């Protein structure tokens, strides 16, 4: 029997991959979304979670970055 699932291949660095695995294991997005761990830089994830995942990653990036402003003289 063949099992077909829709998904998206995500390419990322090892740190981001570990973050995505953490989100998946802790059910931070409400459910598991990683279908297959392909290799050290690729994951196959559910297509219906992509927008939610992108929002979560954007929130993380906002928390760890700071705006660069030119100093006024």
PDB file of N, CA and C in Angstrom:
ATOM      1  N   UNK A   1       0.845  -1.182   0.000  1.00  0.00           N
ATOM      2  CA  UNK A   1       0.000   0.000   0.000  1.00  0.00           C
ATOM      3  C   UNK A   1       0.889   1.243   0.000  1.00  0.00           C
ATOM      4  N   UNK A   2       0.529   2.210  -0.818  1.00  0.00           N
ATOM      5  CA  UNK A   2       1.280   3.451  -0.930  1.00  0.00           C
ATOM      6  C   UNK A   2       0.600   4.515  -0.077  1.00  0.00           C
ATOM      7  N   UNK A   3       1.416   5.234   0.699  1.00  0.00           N
ATOM      8  CA  UNK A   3       0.900   6.315   1.536  1.00  0.00           C
ATOM      9  C   UNK A   3       1.444   7.631   0.990  1.00  0.00           C
ATOM     10  N   UNK A   4       0.556   8.514   0.528  1.00  0.00           N
ATOM     11  CA  UNK A   4       0.959   9.781  -0.068  1.00  0.00           C
ATOM     12  C   UNK A   4       0.570  10.915   0.876  1.00  0.00           C
ATOM     13  N   UNK A   5       1.524  11.831   1.106  1.00  0.00           N
ATOM     14  CA  UNK A   5       1.260  12.987   1.954  1.00  0.00           C
ATOM     15  C   UNK A   5       1.770  14.238   1.256  1.00  0.00           C
ATOM     16  N   UNK A   6       0.996  15.318   1.320  1.00  0.00           N
ATOM     17  CA  UNK A   6       1.445  16.596   0.776  1.00  0.00           C
ATOM     18  C   UNK A   6       2.394  17.235   1.767  1.00  0.00           C
ATOM     19  N   UNK A   7       3.464  17.803   1.250  1.00  0.00           N
ATOM     20  CA  UNK A   7       4.415  18.452   2.126  1.00  0.00           C
ATOM     21  C   UNK A   7       5.314  19.417   1.388  1.00  0.00           C
ATOM     22  N   UNK A   8       6.166  20.060   2.163  1.00  0.00           N
ATOM     23  CA  UNK A   8       7.119  21.034   1.652  1.00  0.00           C
ATOM     24  C   UNK A   8       8.495  20.652   2.180  1.00  0.00           C
ATOM     25  N   UNK A   9       9.486  20.710   1.323  1.00  0.00           N
ATOM     26  CA  UNK A   9      10.861  20.473   1.770  1.00  0.00           C
ATOM     27  C   UNK A   9      11.430  21.808   2.247  1.00  0.00           C
ATOM     28  N   UNK A  10      11.935  21.814   3.465  1.00  0.00           N
ATOM     29  CA  UNK A  10      12.518  23.013   4.053  1.00  0.00           C
ATOM     30  C   UNK A  10      14.026  22.809   4.164  1.00  0.00           C
ATOM     31  N   UNK A  11      14.785  23.768   3.651  1.00  0.00           N
ATOM     32  CA  UNK A  11      16.242  23.746   3.789  1.00  0.00           C
ATOM     33  C   UNK A  11      16.626  24.786   4.829  1.00  0.00           C
ATOM     34  N   UNK A  12      17.420  24.382   5.810  1.00  0.00           N
ATOM     35  CA  UNK A  12      17.803  25.296   6.881  1.00  0.00           C
ATOM     36  C   UNK A  12      19.147  24.897   7.460  1.00  0.00           C
ATOM     37  N   UNK A  13      19.718  25.792   8.262  1.00  0.00           N
ATOM     38  CA  UNK A  13      20.973  25.479   8.931  1.00  0.00           C
ATOM     39  C   UNK A  13      20.665  24.585  10.142  1.00  0.00           C
ATOM     40  N   UNK A  14      21.686  23.959  10.714  1.00  0.00           N
ATOM     41  CA  UNK A  14      21.463  23.029  11.838  1.00  0.00           C
ATOM     42  C   UNK A  14      20.757  23.655  13.040  1.00  0.00           C
ATOM     43  N   UNK A  15      21.035  24.921  13.342  1.00  0.00           N
ATOM     44  CA  UNK A  15      20.389  25.571  14.485  1.00  0.00           C
ATOM     45  C   UNK A  15      18.889  25.726  14.242  1.00  0.00           C
ATOM     46  N   UNK A  16      18.505  26.173  13.059  1.00  0.00           N
ATOM     47  CA  UNK A  16      17.083  26.322  12.738  1.00  0.00           C
ATOM     48  C   UNK A  16      16.405  24.961  12.684  1.00  0.00           C
ATOM     49  N   UNK A  17      17.107  23.962  12.198  1.00  0.00           N
ATOM     50  CA  UNK A  17      16.531  22.614  12.155  1.00  0.00           C
ATOM     51  C   UNK A  17      16.228  22.123  13.566  1.00  0.00           C
ATOM     52  N   UNK A  18      17.137  22.358  14.495  1.00  0.00           N
ATOM     53  CA  UNK A  18      16.896  21.949  15.880  1.00  0.00           C
ATOM     54  C   UNK A  18      15.722  22.712  16.482  1.00  0.00           C
ATOM     55  N   UNK A  19      15.570  23.991  16.127  1.00  0.00           N
ATOM     56  CA  UNK A  19      14.429  24.778  16.593  1.00  0.00           C
ATOM     57  C   UNK A  19      13.119  24.190  16.061  1.00  0.00           C
ATOM     58  N   UNK A  20      13.095  23.841  14.775  1.00  0.00           N
ATOM     59  CA  UNK A  20      11.894  23.258  14.173  1.00  0.00           C
ATOM     60  C   UNK A  20      11.564  21.906  14.807  1.00  0.00           C
ATOM     61  N   UNK A  21      12.583  21.098  15.066  1.00  0.00           N
ATOM     62  CA  UNK A  21      12.369  19.807  15.725  1.00  0.00           C
ATOM     63  C   UNK A  21      11.818  20.023  17.133  1.00  0.00           C
ATOM     64  N   UNK A  22      12.339  21.023  17.832  1.00  0.00           N
ATOM     65  CA  UNK A  22      11.837  21.348  19.170  1.00  0.00           C
ATOM     66  C   UNK A  22      10.356  21.745  19.121  1.00  0.00           C
ATOM     67  N   UNK A  23       9.988  22.607  18.163  1.00  0.00           N
ATOM     68  CA  UNK A  23       8.592  23.014  18.019  1.00  0.00           C
ATOM     69  C   UNK A  23       7.700  21.806  17.742  1.00  0.00           C
ATOM     70  N   UNK A  24       8.197  20.896  16.926  1.00  0.00           N
ATOM     71  CA  UNK A  24       7.440  19.692  16.579  1.00  0.00           C
ATOM     72  C   UNK A  24       7.261  18.783  17.796  1.00  0.00           C
ATOM     73  N   UNK A  25       8.345  18.542  18.524  1.00  0.00           N
ATOM     74  CA  UNK A  25       8.300  17.623  19.669  1.00  0.00           C
ATOM     75  C   UNK A  25       7.474  18.167  20.827  1.00  0.00           C
ATOM     76  N   UNK A  26       7.471  19.488  21.022  1.00  0.00           N
ATOM     77  CA  UNK A  26       6.728  20.080  22.137  1.00  0.00           C
ATOM     78  C   UNK A  26       5.298  20.452  21.749  1.00  0.00           C
ATOM     79  N   UNK A  27       4.925  20.166  20.520  1.00  0.00           N
ATOM     80  CA  UNK A  27       3.594  20.495  20.003  1.00  0.00           C
ATOM     81  C   UNK A  27       3.280  21.984  20.156  1.00  0.00           C
ATOM     82  N   UNK A  28       4.294  22.820  19.961  1.00  0.00           N
ATOM     83  CA  UNK A  28       4.149  24.271  20.130  1.00  0.00           C
ATOM     84  C   UNK A  28       3.181  24.882  19.126  1.00  0.00           C
ATOM     85  N   UNK A  29       2.966  24.226  17.999  1.00  0.00           N
ATOM     86  CA  UNK A  29       2.029  24.728  16.996  1.00  0.00           C
ATOM     87  C   UNK A  29       0.705  23.974  17.037  1.00  0.00           C
ATOM     88  N   UNK A  30       0.501  23.212  18.097  1.00  0.00           N
ATOM     89  CA  UNK A  30      -0.753  22.494  18.277  1.00  0.00           C
ATOM     90  C   UNK A  30      -0.738  21.055  17.830  1.00  0.00           C
ATOM     91  N   UNK A  31       0.239  20.693  17.045  1.00  0.00           N
ATOM     92  CA  UNK A  31       0.353  19.307  16.564  1.00  0.00           C
ATOM     93  C   UNK A  31       1.727  19.082  15.957  1.00  0.00           C
ATOM     94  N   UNK A  32       2.024  17.840  15.659  1.00  0.00           N
ATOM     95  CA  UNK A  32       3.278  17.520  14.979  1.00  0.00           C
ATOM     96  C   UNK A  32       3.148  17.922  13.514  1.00  0.00           C
ATOM     97  N   UNK A  33       4.220  18.461  12.935  1.00  0.00           N
ATOM     98  CA  UNK A  33       4.176  18.910  11.556  1.00  0.00           C
ATOM     99  C   UNK A  33       5.315  18.363  10.704  1.00  0.00           C
ATOM    100  N   UNK A  34       6.361  17.803  11.326  1.00  0.00           N
ATOM    101  CA  UNK A  34       7.463  17.223  10.564  1.00  0.00           C
ATOM    102  C   UNK A  34       7.057  15.831  10.117  1.00  0.00           C
ATOM    103  N   UNK A  35       7.045  15.640   8.800  1.00  0.00           N
ATOM    104  CA  UNK A  35       6.701  14.338   8.241  1.00  0.00           C
ATOM    105  C   UNK A  35       7.940  13.451   8.201  1.00  0.00           C
ATOM    106  N   UNK A  36       9.077  14.022   7.774  1.00  0.00           N
ATOM    107  CA  UNK A  36      10.302  13.237   7.656  1.00  0.00           C
ATOM    108  C   UNK A  36      11.522  14.132   7.846  1.00  0.00           C
ATOM    109  N   UNK A  37      12.478  13.652   8.618  1.00  0.00           N
ATOM    110  CA  UNK A  37      13.783  14.295   8.767  1.00  0.00           C
ATOM    111  C   UNK A  37      14.659  13.707   7.673  1.00  0.00           C
ATOM    112  N   UNK A  38      14.983  14.502   6.652  1.00  0.00           N
ATOM    113  CA  UNK A  38      15.666  13.978   5.472  1.00  0.00           C
ATOM    114  C   UNK A  38      17.178  13.882   5.626  1.00  0.00           C
ATOM    115  N   UNK A  39      17.815  14.952   6.062  1.00  0.00           N
ATOM    116  CA  UNK A  39      19.262  14.940   6.288  1.00  0.00           C
ATOM    117  C   UNK A  39      19.608  16.096   7.217  1.00  0.00           C
ATOM    118  N   UNK A  40      20.887  16.465   7.287  1.00  0.00           N
ATOM    119  CA  UNK A  40      21.311  17.477   8.259  1.00  0.00           C
ATOM    120  C   UNK A  40      20.788  18.880   7.962  1.00  0.00           C
ATOM    121  N   UNK A  41      20.283  19.128   6.751  1.00  0.00           N
ATOM    122  CA  UNK A  41      19.791  20.473   6.447  1.00  0.00           C
ATOM    123  C   UNK A  41      18.415  20.499   5.781  1.00  0.00           C
ATOM    124  N   UNK A  42      17.707  19.367   5.758  1.00  0.00           N
ATOM    125  CA  UNK A  42      16.404  19.323   5.109  1.00  0.00           C
ATOM    126  C   UNK A  42      15.367  18.590   5.962  1.00  0.00           C
ATOM    127  N   UNK A  43      14.162  19.172   5.991  1.00  0.00           N
ATOM    128  CA  UNK A  43      13.015  18.542   6.641  1.00  0.00           C
ATOM    129  C   UNK A  43      11.857  18.545   5.644  1.00  0.00           C
ATOM    130  N   UNK A  44      11.015  17.522   5.722  1.00  0.00           N
ATOM    131  CA  UNK A  44       9.792  17.464   4.940  1.00  0.00           C
ATOM    132  C   UNK A  44       8.651  17.719   5.906  1.00  0.00           C
ATOM    133  N   UNK A  45       7.925  18.848   5.716  1.00  0.00           N
ATOM    134  CA  UNK A  45       6.888  19.238   6.671  1.00  0.00           C
ATOM    135  C   UNK A  45       5.526  19.344   5.986  1.00  0.00           C
ATOM    136  N   UNK A  46       4.461  19.324   6.791  1.00  0.00           N
ATOM    137  CA  UNK A  46       3.101  19.454   6.284  1.00  0.00           C
ATOM    138  C   UNK A  46       2.895  20.817   5.641  1.00  0.00           C
ATOM    139  N   UNK A  47       2.197  20.833   4.508  1.00  0.00           N
ATOM    140  CA  UNK A  47       1.963  22.097   3.800  1.00  0.00           C
ATOM    141  C   UNK A  47       1.028  23.024   4.558  1.00  0.00           C
ATOM    142  N   UNK A  48       0.091  22.470   5.304  1.00  0.00           N
ATOM    143  CA  UNK A  48      -0.907  23.314   5.963  1.00  0.00           C
ATOM    144  C   UNK A  48      -0.390  24.051   7.197  1.00  0.00           C
ATOM    145  N   UNK A  49       0.835  23.797   7.612  1.00  0.00           N
ATOM    146  CA  UNK A  49       1.395  24.451   8.796  1.00  0.00           C
ATOM    147  C   UNK A  49       2.404  25.543   8.409  1.00  0.00           C
ATOM    148  N   UNK A  50       2.690  25.690   7.128  1.00  0.00           N
ATOM    149  CA  UNK A  50       3.754  26.591   6.670  1.00  0.00           C
ATOM    150  C   UNK A  50       3.522  28.035   7.115  1.00  0.00           C
ATOM    151  N   UNK A  51       2.303  28.560   6.948  1.00  0.00           N
ATOM    152  CA  UNK A  51       2.035  29.958   7.329  1.00  0.00           C
ATOM    153  C   UNK A  51       2.187  30.161   8.837  1.00  0.00           C
ATOM    154  N   UNK A  52       1.674  29.236   9.620  1.00  0.00           N
ATOM    155  CA  UNK A  52       1.794  29.321  11.075  1.00  0.00           C
ATOM    156  C   UNK A  52       3.258  29.248  11.482  1.00  0.00           C
ATOM    157  N   UNK A  53       3.991  28.359  10.873  1.00  0.00           N
ATOM    158  CA  UNK A  53       5.418  28.190  11.168  1.00  0.00           C
ATOM    159  C   UNK A  53       6.196  29.445  10.796  1.00  0.00           C
ATOM    160  N   UNK A  54       5.871  30.037   9.664  1.00  0.00           N
ATOM    161  CA  UNK A  54       6.553  31.265   9.238  1.00  0.00           C
ATOM    162  C   UNK A  54       6.312  32.384  10.260  1.00  0.00           C
ATOM    163  N   UNK A  55       5.104  32.482  10.766  1.00  0.00           N
ATOM    164  CA  UNK A  55       4.804  33.476  11.790  1.00  0.00           C
ATOM    165  C   UNK A  55       5.595  33.254  13.059  1.00  0.00           C
ATOM    166  N   UNK A  56       5.720  32.006  13.475  1.00  0.00           N
ATOM    167  CA  UNK A  56       6.481  31.663  14.681  1.00  0.00           C
ATOM    168  C   UNK A  56       7.961  32.019  14.493  1.00  0.00           C
ATOM    169  N   UNK A  57       8.508  31.728  13.326  1.00  0.00           N
ATOM    170  CA  UNK A  57       9.913  32.047  13.047  1.00  0.00           C
ATOM    171  C   UNK A  57      10.108  33.564  12.978  1.00  0.00           C
ATOM    172  N   UNK A  58       9.165  34.285  12.373  1.00  0.00           N
ATOM    173  CA  UNK A  58       9.250  35.747  12.327  1.00  0.00           C
ATOM    174  C   UNK A  58       9.246  36.339  13.737  1.00  0.00           C
ATOM    175  N   UNK A  59       8.398  35.798  14.618  1.00  0.00           N
ATOM    176  CA  UNK A  59       8.368  36.256  16.013  1.00  0.00           C
ATOM    177  C   UNK A  59       9.716  36.020  16.687  1.00  0.00           C
ATOM    178  N   UNK A  60      10.295  34.854  16.459  1.00  0.00           N
ATOM    179  CA  UNK A  60      11.603  34.540  17.038  1.00  0.00           C
ATOM    180  C   UNK A  60      12.659  35.520  16.536  1.00  0.00           C
ATOM    181  N   UNK A  61      12.668  35.782  15.245  1.00  0.00           N
ATOM    182  CA  UNK A  61      13.660  36.693  14.667  1.00  0.00           C
ATOM    183  C   UNK A  61      13.485  38.109  15.215  1.00  0.00           C
ATOM    184  N   UNK A  62      12.242  38.519  15.443  1.00  0.00           N
ATOM    185  CA  UNK A  62      12.003  39.846  16.028  1.00  0.00           C
ATOM    186  C   UNK A  62      12.542  39.925  17.451  1.00  0.00           C
ATOM    187  N   UNK A  63      12.439  38.835  18.188  1.00  0.00           N
ATOM    188  CA  UNK A  63      12.914  38.820  19.578  1.00  0.00           C
ATOM    189  C   UNK A  63      14.435  38.849  19.682  1.00  0.00           C
ATOM    190  N   UNK A  64      15.119  38.224  18.728  1.00  0.00           N
ATOM    191  CA  UNK A  64      16.574  38.126  18.846  1.00  0.00           C
ATOM    192  C   UNK A  64      17.323  39.185  18.040  1.00  0.00           C
ATOM    193  N   UNK A  65      16.601  40.032  17.325  1.00  0.00           N
ATOM    194  CA  UNK A  65      17.274  41.088  16.572  1.00  0.00           C
ATOM    195  C   UNK A  65      16.928  42.450  17.167  1.00  0.00           C
ATOM    196  N   UNK A  66      17.709  43.423  16.826  1.00  0.00           N
ATOM    197  CA  UNK A  66      17.441  44.764  17.304  1.00  0.00           C
ATOM    198  C   UNK A  66      17.609  45.731  16.126  1.00  0.00           C
ATOM    199  N   UNK A  67      16.839  46.796  16.137  1.00  0.00           N
ATOM    200  CA  UNK A  67      16.909  47.748  15.013  1.00  0.00           C
ATOM    201  C   UNK A  67      18.205  48.546  15.049  1.00  0.00           C
ATOM    202  N   UNK A  68      18.697  48.830  13.883  1.00  0.00           N
ATOM    203  CA  UNK A  68      19.889  49.655  13.758  1.00  0.00           C
ATOM    204  C   UNK A  68      19.446  51.075  13.393  1.00  0.00           C
ATOM    205  N   UNK A  69      19.783  52.012  14.221  1.00  0.00           N
ATOM    206  CA  UNK A  69      19.442  53.417  13.975  1.00  0.00           C
ATOM    207  C   UNK A  69      20.732  54.215  13.893  1.00  0.00           C
ATOM    208  N   UNK A  70      20.729  55.142  12.986  1.00  0.00           N
ATOM    209  CA  UNK A  70      21.885  56.023  12.901  1.00  0.00           C
ATOM    210  C   UNK A  70      21.805  57.038  14.037  1.00  0.00           C
ATOM    211  N   UNK A  71      22.944  57.305  14.614  1.00  0.00           N
ATOM    212  CA  UNK A  71      22.980  58.299  15.694  1.00  0.00           C
ATOM    213  C   UNK A  71      22.807  59.691  15.110  1.00  0.00           C
ATOM    214  N   UNK A  72      21.965  60.456  15.791  1.00  0.00           N
ATOM    215  CA  UNK A  72      21.774  61.839  15.361  1.00  0.00           C
ATOM    216  C   UNK A  72      22.847  62.694  15.980  1.00  0.00           C
ATOM    217  N   UNK A  73      23.412  63.583  15.203  1.00  0.00           N
ATOM    218  CA  UNK A  73      24.480  64.464  15.682  1.00  0.00           C
ATOM    219  C   UNK A  73      23.954  65.781  16.117  1.00  0.00           C
TER     220      UNK A  73
END
